[in-house]
Amino acid sequence: METKLLIESLLFISGKPLSVVKLSEITKKDKKEVMTAADELMDDYNNKDRGVQIQKAGSSYQMATNPGCSYIIKDLIKSEQSGELTKPSLETLTIIAYRGPITKAELEQIRGVNCSLIIRNLLIKGLIETQEDKEKMATVYSITFDFLRFLGLNKSDDLPNYEKLNSDENLKKLLSQKIEDTVSSPVPEQNN
């Protein structure tokens, strides 16, 4: 598959900057090839009137909206911040509240569906935040103080049944089993 196509997909889905090293690891392509393809992709996007552009900071790339569209984006974000939470959003927020800090993969394992859009919306609303977990070597999600303050709580331990739900053994077994399955599964070879 063409390197530019792979990079475009990764930048679109990531939502955060991706370094040449990371893109190279994921695509299994040479760093120089990745940088060349990413620069070409950036030129493709930025030399046309488009709502989305690609930004480069150092050796990292990220998709971002065109600054000229900021007025309309602000309206959308304002409506998303003030809108009610959907049932899937409430489920996701509950899992993060009781099991956080939690990775996206763990969250999706519990829910059984992709949570990217829900996570994005909860981040926009300021109900969850991200941190880098050095032990898990991944981004983890946890609830914010604003969320606790909205509920009138001082800490997550004050949530109803927090101790029981936070330390549920069946859930721990499920998560550890899926992690073991992932680690022991052979990685399919890609045709270059």
C-alpha atoms as a PDB file:
ATOM      1  CA  MET A   1       0.000   0.000   0.000  1.00  0.00           C
ATOM      2  CA  GLU A   2       1.240   3.485  -0.792  1.00  0.00           C
ATOM      3  CA  THR A   3       3.039   5.120   2.144  1.00  0.00           C
ATOM      4  CA  LYS A   4       1.228   8.442   1.691  1.00  0.00           C
ATOM      5  CA  LEU A   5      -2.140   6.707   1.965  1.00  0.00           C
ATOM      6  CA  LEU A   6      -1.108   4.939   5.175  1.00  0.00           C
ATOM      7  CA  ILE A   7       0.197   8.140   6.751  1.00  0.00           C
ATOM      8  CA  GLU A   8      -2.959  10.050   5.824  1.00  0.00           C
ATOM      9  CA  SER A   9      -5.099   7.397   7.522  1.00  0.00           C
ATOM     10  CA  LEU A  10      -2.943   7.398  10.658  1.00  0.00           C
ATOM     11  CA  LEU A  11      -2.908  11.194  10.957  1.00  0.00           C
ATOM     12  CA  PHE A  12      -6.671  11.321  10.465  1.00  0.00           C
ATOM     13  CA  ILE A  13      -7.439   8.776  13.173  1.00  0.00           C
ATOM     14  CA  SER A  14      -4.750   9.836  15.671  1.00  0.00           C
ATOM     15  CA  GLY A  15      -5.990  13.210  16.842  1.00  0.00           C
ATOM     16  CA  LYS A  16      -2.518  14.015  18.151  1.00  0.00           C
ATOM     17  CA  PRO A  17       0.888  14.604  16.533  1.00  0.00           C
ATOM     18  CA  LEU A  18       2.710  11.526  15.256  1.00  0.00           C
ATOM     19  CA  SER A  19       6.482  11.528  14.905  1.00  0.00           C
ATOM     20  CA  VAL A  20       8.341  10.163  11.891  1.00  0.00           C
ATOM     21  CA  VAL A  21       9.725   7.452  14.182  1.00  0.00           C
ATOM     22  CA  LYS A  22       6.208   6.400  15.282  1.00  0.00           C
ATOM     23  CA  LEU A  23       4.864   6.516  11.711  1.00  0.00           C
ATOM     24  CA  SER A  24       7.831   4.441  10.572  1.00  0.00           C
ATOM     25  CA  GLU A  25       7.224   1.839  13.300  1.00  0.00           C
ATOM     26  CA  ILE A  26       3.524   1.537  12.495  1.00  0.00           C
ATOM     27  CA  THR A  27       3.848   1.453   8.697  1.00  0.00           C
ATOM     28  CA  LYS A  28       7.038  -0.620   8.766  1.00  0.00           C
ATOM     29  CA  LYS A  29       8.512   1.800   6.236  1.00  0.00           C
ATOM     30  CA  ASP A  30      11.910   3.505   6.238  1.00  0.00           C
ATOM     31  CA  LYS A  31      12.020   6.838   8.141  1.00  0.00           C
ATOM     32  CA  LYS A  32      13.248   8.724   5.080  1.00  0.00           C
ATOM     33  CA  GLU A  33      10.401   7.303   2.973  1.00  0.00           C
ATOM     34  CA  VAL A  34       7.921   8.242   5.714  1.00  0.00           C
ATOM     35  CA  MET A  35       9.241  11.806   5.978  1.00  0.00           C
ATOM     36  CA  THR A  36       9.167  12.278   2.203  1.00  0.00           C
ATOM     37  CA  ALA A  37       5.622  10.916   1.963  1.00  0.00           C
ATOM     38  CA  ALA A  38       4.443  13.011   4.939  1.00  0.00           C
ATOM     39  CA  ASP A  39       5.955  16.176   3.445  1.00  0.00           C
ATOM     40  CA  GLU A  40       4.290  15.444   0.076  1.00  0.00           C
ATOM     41  CA  LEU A  41       0.992  14.836   1.839  1.00  0.00           C
ATOM     42  CA  MET A  42       1.392  18.103   3.735  1.00  0.00           C
ATOM     43  CA  ASP A  43       1.974  19.932   0.429  1.00  0.00           C
ATOM     44  CA  ASP A  44      -1.095  18.239  -1.090  1.00  0.00           C
ATOM     45  CA  TYR A  45      -3.286  19.425   1.771  1.00  0.00           C
ATOM     46  CA  ASN A  46      -1.822  22.855   2.409  1.00  0.00           C
ATOM     47  CA  ASN A  47      -1.555  24.065  -1.200  1.00  0.00           C
ATOM     48  CA  LYS A  48      -5.293  23.801  -1.815  1.00  0.00           C
ATOM     49  CA  ASP A  49      -8.352  25.439  -0.316  1.00  0.00           C
ATOM     50  CA  ARG A  50      -9.268  22.732   2.161  1.00  0.00           C
ATOM     51  CA  GLY A  51     -10.909  22.644   5.558  1.00  0.00           C
ATOM     52  CA  VAL A  52      -8.187  20.328   6.850  1.00  0.00           C
ATOM     53  CA  GLN A  53      -4.441  20.910   6.765  1.00  0.00           C
ATOM     54  CA  ILE A  54      -1.389  19.031   7.943  1.00  0.00           C
ATOM     55  CA  GLN A  55       0.912  20.759  10.403  1.00  0.00           C
ATOM     56  CA  LYS A  56       4.518  19.879  11.098  1.00  0.00           C
ATOM     57  CA  ALA A  57       6.356  20.624  14.333  1.00  0.00           C
ATOM     58  CA  GLY A  58       9.899  19.298  14.414  1.00  0.00           C
ATOM     59  CA  SER A  59       9.626  15.765  13.077  1.00  0.00           C
ATOM     60  CA  SER A  60       5.956  15.285  14.028  1.00  0.00           C
ATOM     61  CA  TYR A  61       2.875  15.697  11.861  1.00  0.00           C
ATOM     62  CA  GLN A  62      -0.757  16.325  12.755  1.00  0.00           C
ATOM     63  CA  MET A  63      -3.994  16.975  10.913  1.00  0.00           C
ATOM     64  CA  ALA A  64      -5.690  20.208  11.947  1.00  0.00           C
ATOM     65  CA  THR A  65      -8.503  22.391  10.725  1.00  0.00           C
ATOM     66  CA  ASN A  66      -7.839  25.375   8.500  1.00  0.00           C
ATOM     67  CA  PRO A  67      -7.540  28.490  10.719  1.00  0.00           C
ATOM     68  CA  GLY A  68      -9.911  30.313   8.346  1.00  0.00           C
ATOM     69  CA  CYS A  69     -12.691  27.955   9.444  1.00  0.00           C
ATOM     70  CA  SER A  70     -12.291  28.679  13.157  1.00  0.00           C
ATOM     71  CA  TYR A  71     -15.505  30.727  13.427  1.00  0.00           C
ATOM     72  CA  ILE A  72     -17.700  27.823  12.314  1.00  0.00           C
ATOM     73  CA  ILE A  73     -15.748  25.257  14.346  1.00  0.00           C
ATOM     74  CA  LYS A  74     -16.267  27.352  17.493  1.00  0.00           C
ATOM     75  CA  ASP A  75     -20.033  27.158  16.943  1.00  0.00           C
ATOM     76  CA  LEU A  76     -19.895  23.370  16.645  1.00  0.00           C
ATOM     77  CA  ILE A  77     -17.687  22.978  19.713  1.00  0.00           C
ATOM     78  CA  LYS A  78     -19.946  25.281  21.722  1.00  0.00           C
ATOM     79  CA  SER A  79     -22.976  23.160  20.831  1.00  0.00           C
ATOM     80  CA  GLU A  80     -21.078  19.933  21.632  1.00  0.00           C
ATOM     81  CA  GLN A  81     -19.941  21.320  24.988  1.00  0.00           C
ATOM     82  CA  SER A  82     -23.444  22.274  26.021  1.00  0.00           C
ATOM     83  CA  GLY A  83     -25.305  19.306  24.540  1.00  0.00           C
ATOM     84  CA  GLU A  84     -26.557  16.390  26.607  1.00  0.00           C
ATOM     85  CA  LEU A  85     -24.563  13.202  26.900  1.00  0.00           C
ATOM     86  CA  THR A  86     -25.734  10.220  24.883  1.00  0.00           C
ATOM     87  CA  LYS A  87     -26.203   6.810  26.491  1.00  0.00           C
ATOM     88  CA  PRO A  88     -22.905   5.508  24.985  1.00  0.00           C
ATOM     89  CA  SER A  89     -21.130   8.640  26.279  1.00  0.00           C
ATOM     90  CA  LEU A  90     -22.539   8.066  29.770  1.00  0.00           C
ATOM     91  CA  GLU A  91     -21.448   4.410  29.662  1.00  0.00           C
ATOM     92  CA  THR A  92     -17.948   5.394  28.577  1.00  0.00           C
ATOM     93  CA  LEU A  93     -17.718   8.139  31.191  1.00  0.00           C
ATOM     94  CA  THR A  94     -18.864   5.706  33.891  1.00  0.00           C
ATOM     95  CA  ILE A  95     -16.201   3.174  32.908  1.00  0.00           C
ATOM     96  CA  ILE A  96     -13.515   5.870  32.952  1.00  0.00           C
ATOM     97  CA  ALA A  97     -14.756   7.122  36.335  1.00  0.00           C
ATOM     98  CA  TYR A  98     -14.674   3.687  37.953  1.00  0.00           C
ATOM     99  CA  ARG A  99     -11.770   2.035  36.123  1.00  0.00           C
ATOM    100  CA  GLY A 100      -9.555   5.020  35.241  1.00  0.00           C
ATOM    101  CA  PRO A 101      -6.898   5.757  34.478  1.00  0.00           C
ATOM    102  CA  ILE A 102      -7.670   3.452  31.555  1.00  0.00           C
ATOM    103  CA  THR A 103      -6.297   3.070  28.035  1.00  0.00           C
ATOM    104  CA  LYS A 104      -8.466   3.380  24.949  1.00  0.00           C
ATOM    105  CA  ALA A 105      -7.840  -0.308  24.185  1.00  0.00           C
ATOM    106  CA  GLU A 106      -9.016  -1.356  27.671  1.00  0.00           C
ATOM    107  CA  LEU A 107     -12.062   0.880  27.385  1.00  0.00           C
ATOM    108  CA  GLU A 108     -12.960  -0.574  23.996  1.00  0.00           C
ATOM    109  CA  GLN A 109     -12.423  -4.083  25.346  1.00  0.00           C
ATOM    110  CA  ILE A 110     -14.972  -3.445  28.084  1.00  0.00           C
ATOM    111  CA  ARG A 111     -17.510  -1.718  25.806  1.00  0.00           C
ATOM    112  CA  GLY A 112     -16.893  -3.940  22.782  1.00  0.00           C
ATOM    113  CA  VAL A 113     -16.950  -1.029  20.314  1.00  0.00           C
ATOM    114  CA  ASN A 114     -14.695   1.752  19.038  1.00  0.00           C
ATOM    115  CA  CYS A 115     -14.769   4.712  21.442  1.00  0.00           C
ATOM    116  CA  SER A 116     -12.736   7.315  19.504  1.00  0.00           C
ATOM    117  CA  LEU A 117     -15.570   9.758  18.839  1.00  0.00           C
ATOM    118  CA  ILE A 118     -17.018   9.413  22.333  1.00  0.00           C
ATOM    119  CA  ILE A 119     -13.595  10.033  23.905  1.00  0.00           C
ATOM    120  CA  ARG A 120     -13.148  13.100  21.697  1.00  0.00           C
ATOM    121  CA  ASN A 121     -16.512  14.501  22.784  1.00  0.00           C
ATOM    122  CA  LEU A 122     -15.842  13.835  26.482  1.00  0.00           C
ATOM    123  CA  LEU A 123     -12.465  15.588  26.133  1.00  0.00           C
ATOM    124  CA  ILE A 124     -14.141  18.584  24.438  1.00  0.00           C
ATOM    125  CA  LYS A 125     -16.700  18.782  27.254  1.00  0.00           C
ATOM    126  CA  GLY A 126     -13.845  18.759  29.793  1.00  0.00           C
ATOM    127  CA  LEU A 127     -15.178  15.664  31.570  1.00  0.00           C
ATOM    128  CA  ILE A 128     -12.075  13.515  30.990  1.00  0.00           C
ATOM    129  CA  GLU A 129      -8.387  14.206  30.513  1.00  0.00           C
ATOM    130  CA  THR A 130      -5.379  12.364  29.128  1.00  0.00           C
ATOM    131  CA  GLN A 131      -2.039  11.471  30.630  1.00  0.00           C
ATOM    132  CA  GLU A 132       0.867   9.364  29.430  1.00  0.00           C
ATOM    133  CA  ASP A 133       1.283   6.165  31.449  1.00  0.00           C
ATOM    134  CA  LYS A 134       4.955   5.212  31.324  1.00  0.00           C
ATOM    135  CA  GLU A 135       4.264   1.712  32.677  1.00  0.00           C
ATOM    136  CA  LYS A 136       1.619   0.922  30.042  1.00  0.00           C
ATOM    137  CA  MET A 137       3.463   3.048  27.461  1.00  0.00           C
ATOM    138  CA  ALA A 138       0.115   4.448  26.336  1.00  0.00           C
ATOM    139  CA  THR A 139      -2.242   7.363  26.764  1.00  0.00           C
ATOM    140  CA  VAL A 140      -4.674   6.825  29.619  1.00  0.00           C
ATOM    141  CA  TYR A 141      -7.968   8.563  30.338  1.00  0.00           C
ATOM    142  CA  SER A 142      -9.311   9.683  33.687  1.00  0.00           C
ATOM    143  CA  ILE A 143     -12.100  11.942  34.913  1.00  0.00           C
ATOM    144  CA  THR A 144     -11.439  15.628  35.552  1.00  0.00           C
ATOM    145  CA  PHE A 145     -11.956  17.697  38.674  1.00  0.00           C
ATOM    146  CA  ASP A 146     -14.676  19.550  36.746  1.00  0.00           C
ATOM    147  CA  PHE A 147     -16.571  16.258  36.406  1.00  0.00           C
ATOM    148  CA  LEU A 148     -16.233  15.567  40.143  1.00  0.00           C
ATOM    149  CA  ARG A 149     -17.219  19.135  41.000  1.00  0.00           C
ATOM    150  CA  PHE A 150     -20.297  18.824  38.742  1.00  0.00           C
ATOM    151  CA  LEU A 151     -21.328  15.740  40.750  1.00  0.00           C
ATOM    152  CA  GLY A 152     -20.557  17.509  44.036  1.00  0.00           C
ATOM    153  CA  LEU A 153     -17.753  15.083  44.908  1.00  0.00           C
ATOM    154  CA  ASN A 154     -14.214  15.682  46.137  1.00  0.00           C
ATOM    155  CA  LYS A 155     -12.576  12.516  44.809  1.00  0.00           C
ATOM    156  CA  SER A 156     -13.421   9.478  42.692  1.00  0.00           C
ATOM    157  CA  ASP A 157     -13.513   7.285  45.797  1.00  0.00           C
ATOM    158  CA  ASP A 158     -16.735   9.147  46.725  1.00  0.00           C
ATOM    159  CA  LEU A 159     -18.575   7.684  43.709  1.00  0.00           C
ATOM    160  CA  PRO A 160     -21.311   5.172  44.690  1.00  0.00           C
ATOM    161  CA  ASN A 161     -19.934   1.618  45.072  1.00  0.00           C
ATOM    162  CA  TYR A 162     -16.491   2.846  43.956  1.00  0.00           C
ATOM    163  CA  GLU A 163     -14.445   0.246  45.862  1.00  0.00           C
ATOM    164  CA  LYS A 164     -16.502  -2.680  44.574  1.00  0.00           C
ATOM    165  CA  LEU A 165     -16.618  -1.557  40.944  1.00  0.00           C
ATOM    166  CA  ASN A 166     -13.038  -0.296  40.827  1.00  0.00           C
ATOM    167  CA  SER A 167     -11.624  -3.640  41.936  1.00  0.00           C
ATOM    168  CA  ASP A 168     -13.979  -6.063  40.172  1.00  0.00           C
ATOM    169  CA  GLU A 169     -12.015  -9.302  39.721  1.00  0.00           C
ATOM    170  CA  ASN A 170     -14.026 -10.545  36.725  1.00  0.00           C
ATOM    171  CA  LEU A 171     -13.249  -7.358  34.837  1.00  0.00           C
ATOM    172  CA  LYS A 172      -9.561  -7.621  35.741  1.00  0.00           C
ATOM    173  CA  LYS A 173      -9.504 -11.214  34.435  1.00  0.00           C
ATOM    174  CA  LEU A 174     -11.216 -10.182  31.208  1.00  0.00           C
ATOM    175  CA  LEU A 175      -8.750  -7.371  30.598  1.00  0.00           C
ATOM    176  CA  SER A 176      -5.685  -9.472  31.446  1.00  0.00           C
ATOM    177  CA  GLN A 177      -6.942 -12.337  29.232  1.00  0.00           C
ATOM    178  CA  LYS A 178      -7.409 -10.033  26.257  1.00  0.00           C
ATOM    179  CA  ILE A 179      -3.969  -8.498  26.802  1.00  0.00           C
ATOM    180  CA  GLU A 180      -2.420 -11.990  26.897  1.00  0.00           C
ATOM    181  CA  ASP A 181      -4.312 -12.942  23.712  1.00  0.00           C
ATOM    182  CA  THR A 182      -3.042  -9.818  21.985  1.00  0.00           C
ATOM    183  CA  VAL A 183       0.551 -10.396  23.072  1.00  0.00           C
ATOM    184  CA  SER A 184       0.540 -14.084  22.091  1.00  0.00           C
ATOM    185  CA  SER A 185      -1.229 -13.594  18.745  1.00  0.00           C
ATOM    186  CA  PRO A 186       1.068 -13.678  15.724  1.00  0.00           C
ATOM    187  CA  VAL A 187       1.287 -10.422  13.806  1.00  0.00           C
ATOM    188  CA  PRO A 188       0.094 -10.873  10.226  1.00  0.00           C
ATOM    189  CA  GLU A 189       2.709 -10.115   7.593  1.00  0.00           C
ATOM    190  CA  GLN A 190       2.074  -7.186   5.299  1.00  0.00           C
ATOM    191  CA  ASN A 191       2.870  -7.217   1.618  1.00  0.00           C
ATOM    192  CA  ASN A 192       4.941  -4.161   0.716  1.00  0.00           C
END
